PDB file of N, CA and C in Angstrom:
ATOM      1  N   MET A   1      -5.056   6.394 -11.918  1.00  0.00           N
ATOM      2  CA  MET A   1      -6.277   6.213 -12.653  1.00  0.00           C
ATOM      3  C   MET A   1      -7.164   7.443 -12.411  1.00  0.00           C
ATOM      4  N   LYS A   2      -7.706   8.006 -13.470  1.00  0.00           N
ATOM      5  CA  LYS A   2      -8.572   9.179 -13.351  1.00  0.00           C
ATOM      6  C   LYS A   2     -10.018   8.732 -13.210  1.00  0.00           C
ATOM      7  N   ILE A   3     -10.693   9.339 -12.238  1.00  0.00           N
ATOM      8  CA  ILE A   3     -12.097   9.035 -11.981  1.00  0.00           C
ATOM      9  C   ILE A   3     -12.915  10.295 -12.266  1.00  0.00           C
ATOM     10  N   PRO A   4     -13.738  10.291 -13.300  1.00  0.00           N
ATOM     11  CA  PRO A   4     -14.536  11.485 -13.617  1.00  0.00           C
ATOM     12  C   PRO A   4     -15.732  11.624 -12.681  1.00  0.00           C
ATOM     13  N   ILE A   5     -16.049  12.871 -12.312  1.00  0.00           N
ATOM     14  CA  ILE A   5     -17.261  13.134 -11.539  1.00  0.00           C
ATOM     15  C   ILE A   5     -18.061  14.207 -12.266  1.00  0.00           C
ATOM     16  N   ASN A   6     -19.370  14.199 -12.067  1.00  0.00           N
ATOM     17  CA  ASN A   6     -20.254  15.144 -12.744  1.00  0.00           C
ATOM     18  C   ASN A   6     -20.778  16.225 -11.812  1.00  0.00           C
ATOM     19  N   THR A   7     -20.279  16.244 -10.570  1.00  0.00           N
ATOM     20  CA  THR A   7     -20.722  17.217  -9.581  1.00  0.00           C
ATOM     21  C   THR A   7     -19.519  18.033  -9.132  1.00  0.00           C
ATOM     22  N   GLU A   8     -19.764  19.043  -8.288  1.00  0.00           N
ATOM     23  CA  GLU A   8     -18.669  19.881  -7.805  1.00  0.00           C
ATOM     24  C   GLU A   8     -17.677  19.062  -6.980  1.00  0.00           C
ATOM     25  N   TYR A   9     -18.203  18.120  -6.191  1.00  0.00           N
ATOM     26  CA  TYR A   9     -17.344  17.282  -5.351  1.00  0.00           C
ATOM     27  C   TYR A   9     -18.054  15.969  -5.051  1.00  0.00           C
ATOM     28  N   VAL A  10     -17.310  14.993  -4.531  1.00  0.00           N
ATOM     29  CA  VAL A  10     -17.876  13.757  -3.980  1.00  0.00           C
ATOM     30  C   VAL A  10     -17.251  13.577  -2.604  1.00  0.00           C
ATOM     31  N   THR A  11     -17.948  12.871  -1.723  1.00  0.00           N
ATOM     32  CA  THR A  11     -17.361  12.600  -0.414  1.00  0.00           C
ATOM     33  C   THR A  11     -16.461  11.366  -0.519  1.00  0.00           C
ATOM     34  N   LEU A  12     -15.595  11.213   0.450  1.00  0.00           N
ATOM     35  CA  LEU A  12     -14.710  10.054   0.453  1.00  0.00           C
ATOM     36  C   LEU A  12     -15.522   8.767   0.484  1.00  0.00           C
ATOM     37  N   GLY A  13     -16.614   8.746   1.242  1.00  0.00           N
ATOM     38  CA  GLY A  13     -17.475   7.565   1.283  1.00  0.00           C
ATOM     39  C   GLY A  13     -18.043   7.222  -0.086  1.00  0.00           C
ATOM     40  N   GLN A  14     -18.503   8.242  -0.821  1.00  0.00           N
ATOM     41  CA  GLN A  14     -19.021   8.019  -2.176  1.00  0.00           C
ATOM     42  C   GLN A  14     -17.906   7.530  -3.091  1.00  0.00           C
ATOM     43  N   PHE A  15     -16.723   8.109  -2.917  1.00  0.00           N
ATOM     44  CA  PHE A  15     -15.589   7.737  -3.754  1.00  0.00           C
ATOM     45  C   PHE A  15     -15.211   6.271  -3.551  1.00  0.00           C
ATOM     46  N   LEU A  16     -15.238   5.816  -2.305  1.00  0.00           N
ATOM     47  CA  LEU A  16     -14.924   4.409  -2.032  1.00  0.00           C
ATOM     48  C   LEU A  16     -15.905   3.484  -2.749  1.00  0.00           C
ATOM     49  N   LYS A  17     -17.157   3.909  -2.827  1.00  0.00           N
ATOM     50  CA  LYS A  17     -18.168   3.104  -3.525  1.00  0.00           C
ATOM     51  C   LYS A  17     -17.940   3.150  -5.037  1.00  0.00           C
ATOM     52  N   ILE A  18     -17.640   4.340  -5.572  1.00  0.00           N
ATOM     53  CA  ILE A  18     -17.383   4.489  -7.014  1.00  0.00           C
ATOM     54  C   ILE A  18     -16.225   3.593  -7.457  1.00  0.00           C
ATOM     55  N   THR A  19     -15.193   3.500  -6.622  1.00  0.00           N
ATOM     56  CA  THR A  19     -14.001   2.728  -6.973  1.00  0.00           C
ATOM     57  C   THR A  19     -14.092   1.269  -6.537  1.00  0.00           C
ATOM     58  N   ASP A  20     -15.259   0.833  -6.063  1.00  0.00           N
ATOM     59  CA  ASP A  20     -15.530  -0.557  -5.674  1.00  0.00           C
ATOM     60  C   ASP A  20     -14.715  -1.064  -4.489  1.00  0.00           C
ATOM     61  N   PHE A  21     -14.222  -0.156  -3.636  1.00  0.00           N
ATOM     62  CA  PHE A  21     -13.563  -0.607  -2.413  1.00  0.00           C
ATOM     63  C   PHE A  21     -14.605  -1.050  -1.390  1.00  0.00           C
ATOM     64  N   ILE A  22     -15.816  -0.522  -1.506  1.00  0.00           N
ATOM     65  CA  ILE A  22     -16.939  -0.953  -0.673  1.00  0.00           C
ATOM     66  C   ILE A  22     -18.133  -1.175  -1.587  1.00  0.00           C
ATOM     67  N   SER A  23     -19.101  -1.978  -1.112  1.00  0.00           N
ATOM     68  CA  SER A  23     -20.260  -2.256  -1.956  1.00  0.00           C
ATOM     69  C   SER A  23     -21.487  -1.445  -1.558  1.00  0.00           C
ATOM     70  N   SER A  24     -21.480  -0.891  -0.332  1.00  0.00           N
ATOM     71  CA  SER A  24     -22.615  -0.065   0.081  1.00  0.00           C
ATOM     72  C   SER A  24     -22.131   1.103   0.922  1.00  0.00           C
ATOM     73  N   GLY A  25     -22.924   2.149   0.959  1.00  0.00           N
ATOM     74  CA  GLY A  25     -22.549   3.337   1.716  1.00  0.00           C
ATOM     75  C   GLY A  25     -22.371   3.066   3.199  1.00  0.00           C
ATOM     76  N   GLY A  26     -23.093   2.078   3.723  1.00  0.00           N
ATOM     77  CA  GLY A  26     -22.986   1.735   5.136  1.00  0.00           C
ATOM     78  C   GLY A  26     -21.615   1.218   5.534  1.00  0.00           C
ATOM     79  N   GLU A  27     -20.871   0.700   4.591  1.00  0.00           N
ATOM     80  CA  GLU A  27     -19.540   0.168   4.874  1.00  0.00           C
ATOM     81  C   GLU A  27     -18.481   1.263   4.998  1.00  0.00           C
ATOM     82  N   ALA A  28     -18.796   2.476   4.556  1.00  0.00           N
ATOM     83  CA  ALA A  28     -17.815   3.565   4.520  1.00  0.00           C
ATOM     84  C   ALA A  28     -17.250   3.871   5.898  1.00  0.00           C
ATOM     85  N   LYS A  29     -18.100   3.857   6.905  1.00  0.00           N
ATOM     86  CA  LYS A  29     -17.670   4.179   8.265  1.00  0.00           C
ATOM     87  C   LYS A  29     -16.530   3.259   8.710  1.00  0.00           C
ATOM     88  N   PHE A  30     -16.651   1.982   8.405  1.00  0.00           N
ATOM     89  CA  PHE A  30     -15.637   1.016   8.806  1.00  0.00           C
ATOM     90  C   PHE A  30     -14.438   1.044   7.861  1.00  0.00           C
ATOM     91  N   ALA A  31     -14.690   1.273   6.583  1.00  0.00           N
ATOM     92  CA  ALA A  31     -13.621   1.255   5.583  1.00  0.00           C
ATOM     93  C   ALA A  31     -12.596   2.351   5.841  1.00  0.00           C
ATOM     94  N   VAL A  32     -13.044   3.555   6.213  1.00  0.00           N
ATOM     95  CA  VAL A  32     -12.082   4.649   6.420  1.00  0.00           C
ATOM     96  C   VAL A  32     -11.188   4.382   7.623  1.00  0.00           C
ATOM     97  N   LYS A  33     -11.644   3.537   8.541  1.00  0.00           N
ATOM     98  CA  LYS A  33     -10.816   3.188   9.693  1.00  0.00           C
ATOM     99  C   LYS A  33      -9.873   2.030   9.384  1.00  0.00           C
ATOM    100  N   GLU A  34     -10.305   1.122   8.510  1.00  0.00           N
ATOM    101  CA  GLU A  34      -9.530  -0.078   8.212  1.00  0.00           C
ATOM    102  C   GLU A  34      -8.546   0.084   7.045  1.00  0.00           C
ATOM    103  N   LEU A  35      -8.932   0.851   6.030  1.00  0.00           N
ATOM    104  CA  LEU A  35      -8.086   1.006   4.851  1.00  0.00           C
ATOM    105  C   LEU A  35      -7.073   2.126   5.047  1.00  0.00           C
ATOM    106  N   GLU A  36      -5.932   1.988   4.415  1.00  0.00           N
ATOM    107  CA  GLU A  36      -4.922   3.045   4.439  1.00  0.00           C
ATOM    108  C   GLU A  36      -5.256   4.029   3.319  1.00  0.00           C
ATOM    109  N   ILE A  37      -5.734   5.225   3.713  1.00  0.00           N
ATOM    110  CA  ILE A  37      -6.217   6.210   2.747  1.00  0.00           C
ATOM    111  C   ILE A  37      -5.493   7.532   2.956  1.00  0.00           C
ATOM    112  N   SER A  38      -5.049   8.140   1.855  1.00  0.00           N
ATOM    113  CA  SER A  38      -4.496   9.493   1.944  1.00  0.00           C
ATOM    114  C   SER A  38      -5.078  10.337   0.812  1.00  0.00           C
ATOM    115  N   VAL A  39      -5.270  11.620   1.114  1.00  0.00           N
ATOM    116  CA  VAL A  39      -5.775  12.579   0.139  1.00  0.00           C
ATOM    117  C   VAL A  39      -4.719  13.659  -0.012  1.00  0.00           C
ATOM    118  N   ASN A  40      -4.222  13.822  -1.228  1.00  0.00           N
ATOM    119  CA  ASN A  40      -3.162  14.795  -1.510  1.00  0.00           C
ATOM    120  C   ASN A  40      -1.975  14.628  -0.564  1.00  0.00           C
ATOM    121  N   GLY A  41      -1.632  13.368  -0.267  1.00  0.00           N
ATOM    122  CA  GLY A  41      -0.455  13.069   0.536  1.00  0.00           C
ATOM    123  C   GLY A  41      -0.656  13.081   2.040  1.00  0.00           C
ATOM    124  N   GLU A  42      -1.856  13.394   2.515  1.00  0.00           N
ATOM    125  CA  GLU A  42      -2.125  13.428   3.950  1.00  0.00           C
ATOM    126  C   GLU A  42      -3.117  12.331   4.328  1.00  0.00           C
ATOM    127  N   ALA A  43      -2.833  11.632   5.425  1.00  0.00           N
ATOM    128  CA  ALA A  43      -3.710  10.560   5.885  1.00  0.00           C
ATOM    129  C   ALA A  43      -5.119  11.109   6.125  1.00  0.00           C
ATOM    130  N   GLU A  44      -6.111  10.304   5.767  1.00  0.00           N
ATOM    131  CA  GLU A  44      -7.506  10.755   5.901  1.00  0.00           C
ATOM    132  C   GLU A  44      -8.365   9.621   6.448  1.00  0.00           C
ATOM    133  N   ASN A  45      -9.241   9.928   7.417  1.00  0.00           N
ATOM    134  CA  ASN A  45     -10.140   8.910   7.956  1.00  0.00           C
ATOM    135  C   ASN A  45     -11.567   9.434   8.137  1.00  0.00           C
ATOM    136  N   ARG A  46     -11.898  10.530   7.455  1.00  0.00           N
ATOM    137  CA  ARG A  46     -13.256  11.080   7.518  1.00  0.00           C
ATOM    138  C   ARG A  46     -14.014  10.714   6.249  1.00  0.00           C
ATOM    139  N   ARG A  47     -15.070   9.936   6.390  1.00  0.00           N
ATOM    140  CA  ARG A  47     -15.818   9.514   5.200  1.00  0.00           C
ATOM    141  C   ARG A  47     -16.535  10.679   4.536  1.00  0.00           C
ATOM    142  N   GLY A  48     -16.760  11.765   5.254  1.00  0.00           N
ATOM    143  CA  GLY A  48     -17.431  12.934   4.697  1.00  0.00           C
ATOM    144  C   GLY A  48     -16.491  13.931   4.044  1.00  0.00           C
ATOM    145  N   ARG A  49     -15.191  13.630   4.016  1.00  0.00           N
ATOM    146  CA  ARG A  49     -14.218  14.534   3.398  1.00  0.00           C
ATOM    147  C   ARG A  49     -14.616  14.793   1.952  1.00  0.00           C
ATOM    148  N   LYS A  50     -14.697  16.068   1.578  1.00  0.00           N
ATOM    149  CA  LYS A  50     -15.083  16.426   0.219  1.00  0.00           C
ATOM    150  C   LYS A  50     -13.872  16.324  -0.698  1.00  0.00           C
ATOM    151  N   LEU A  51     -14.045  15.665  -1.815  1.00  0.00           N
ATOM    152  CA  LEU A  51     -12.996  15.492  -2.805  1.00  0.00           C
ATOM    153  C   LEU A  51     -13.374  16.283  -4.052  1.00  0.00           C
ATOM    154  N   TYR A  52     -12.461  17.126  -4.494  1.00  0.00           N
ATOM    155  CA  TYR A  52     -12.714  17.994  -5.646  1.00  0.00           C
ATOM    156  C   TYR A  52     -11.847  17.572  -6.825  1.00  0.00           C
ATOM    157  N   LYS A  53     -12.160  18.112  -7.992  1.00  0.00           N
ATOM    158  CA  LYS A  53     -11.379  17.808  -9.192  1.00  0.00           C
ATOM    159  C   LYS A  53      -9.904  18.103  -8.940  1.00  0.00           C
ATOM    160  N   SER A  54      -9.049  17.254  -9.426  1.00  0.00           N
ATOM    161  CA  SER A  54      -7.586  17.271  -9.324  1.00  0.00           C
ATOM    162  C   SER A  54      -7.057  16.783  -7.979  1.00  0.00           C
ATOM    163  N   ASP A  55      -7.930  16.412  -7.018  1.00  0.00           N
ATOM    164  CA  ASP A  55      -7.448  15.782  -5.788  1.00  0.00           C
ATOM    165  C   ASP A  55      -6.884  14.413  -6.135  1.00  0.00           C
ATOM    166  N   LYS A  56      -5.822  14.037  -5.421  1.00  0.00           N
ATOM    167  CA  LYS A  56      -5.209  12.726  -5.605  1.00  0.00           C
ATOM    168  C   LYS A  56      -5.469  11.902  -4.351  1.00  0.00           C
ATOM    169  N   ILE A  57      -6.063  10.725  -4.544  1.00  0.00           N
ATOM    170  CA  ILE A  57      -6.445   9.857  -3.445  1.00  0.00           C
ATOM    171  C   ILE A  57      -5.694   8.542  -3.584  1.00  0.00           C
ATOM    172  N   THR A  58      -5.040   8.126  -2.514  1.00  0.00           N
ATOM    173  CA  THR A  58      -4.357   6.837  -2.507  1.00  0.00           C
ATOM    174  C   THR A  58      -5.062   5.935  -1.502  1.00  0.00           C
ATOM    175  N   ILE A  59      -5.485   4.763  -1.979  1.00  0.00           N
ATOM    176  CA  ILE A  59      -6.175   3.786  -1.144  1.00  0.00           C
ATOM    177  C   ILE A  59      -5.431   2.472  -1.257  1.00  0.00           C
ATOM    178  N   GLU A  60      -4.888   2.022  -0.132  1.00  0.00           N
ATOM    179  CA  GLU A  60      -4.156   0.753  -0.107  1.00  0.00           C
ATOM    180  C   GLU A  60      -3.127   0.672  -1.246  1.00  0.00           C
ATOM    181  N   GLY A  61      -2.412   1.748  -1.497  1.00  0.00           N
ATOM    182  CA  GLY A  61      -1.345   1.755  -2.498  1.00  0.00           C
ATOM    183  C   GLY A  61      -1.789   2.078  -3.916  1.00  0.00           C
ATOM    184  N   GLN A  62      -3.087   2.143  -4.182  1.00  0.00           N
ATOM    185  CA  GLN A  62      -3.592   2.500  -5.515  1.00  0.00           C
ATOM    186  C   GLN A  62      -3.915   3.993  -5.540  1.00  0.00           C
ATOM    187  N   THR A  63      -3.416   4.694  -6.548  1.00  0.00           N
ATOM    188  CA  THR A  63      -3.641   6.133  -6.620  1.00  0.00           C
ATOM    189  C   THR A  63      -4.684   6.473  -7.677  1.00  0.00           C
ATOM    190  N   PHE A  64      -5.590   7.369  -7.304  1.00  0.00           N
ATOM    191  CA  PHE A  64      -6.665   7.835  -8.165  1.00  0.00           C
ATOM    192  C   PHE A  64      -6.628   9.355  -8.212  1.00  0.00           C
ATOM    193  N   GLU A  65      -7.155   9.925  -9.283  1.00  0.00           N
ATOM    194  CA  GLU A  65      -7.260  11.386  -9.395  1.00  0.00           C
ATOM    195  C   GLU A  65      -8.677  11.718  -9.843  1.00  0.00           C
ATOM    196  N   ILE A  66      -9.279  12.707  -9.173  1.00  0.00           N
ATOM    197  CA  ILE A  66     -10.616  13.153  -9.556  1.00  0.00           C
ATOM    198  C   ILE A  66     -10.488  13.982 -10.830  1.00  0.00           C
ATOM    199  N   ALA A  67     -11.262  13.632 -11.855  1.00  0.00           N
ATOM    200  CA  ALA A  67     -11.190  14.343 -13.125  1.00  0.00           C
ATOM    201  C   ALA A  67     -12.506  15.045 -13.425  1.00  0.00           C
TER     202      ALA A  67
END
């Protein structure tokens, strides 16, 4: 699924909120530790990780692409 962004990048925490995996930014800290997340095929647990256009993010088996 392609997720469009209007900025140069979004953080992983913002991305989790955009995709409705969390309902508030405060949950991001716990979500990155609890959810199985990979960015471009590598495991990721930093909520501040910057995601740029064409990055592929997999969360709990669902794959997204920044557009």
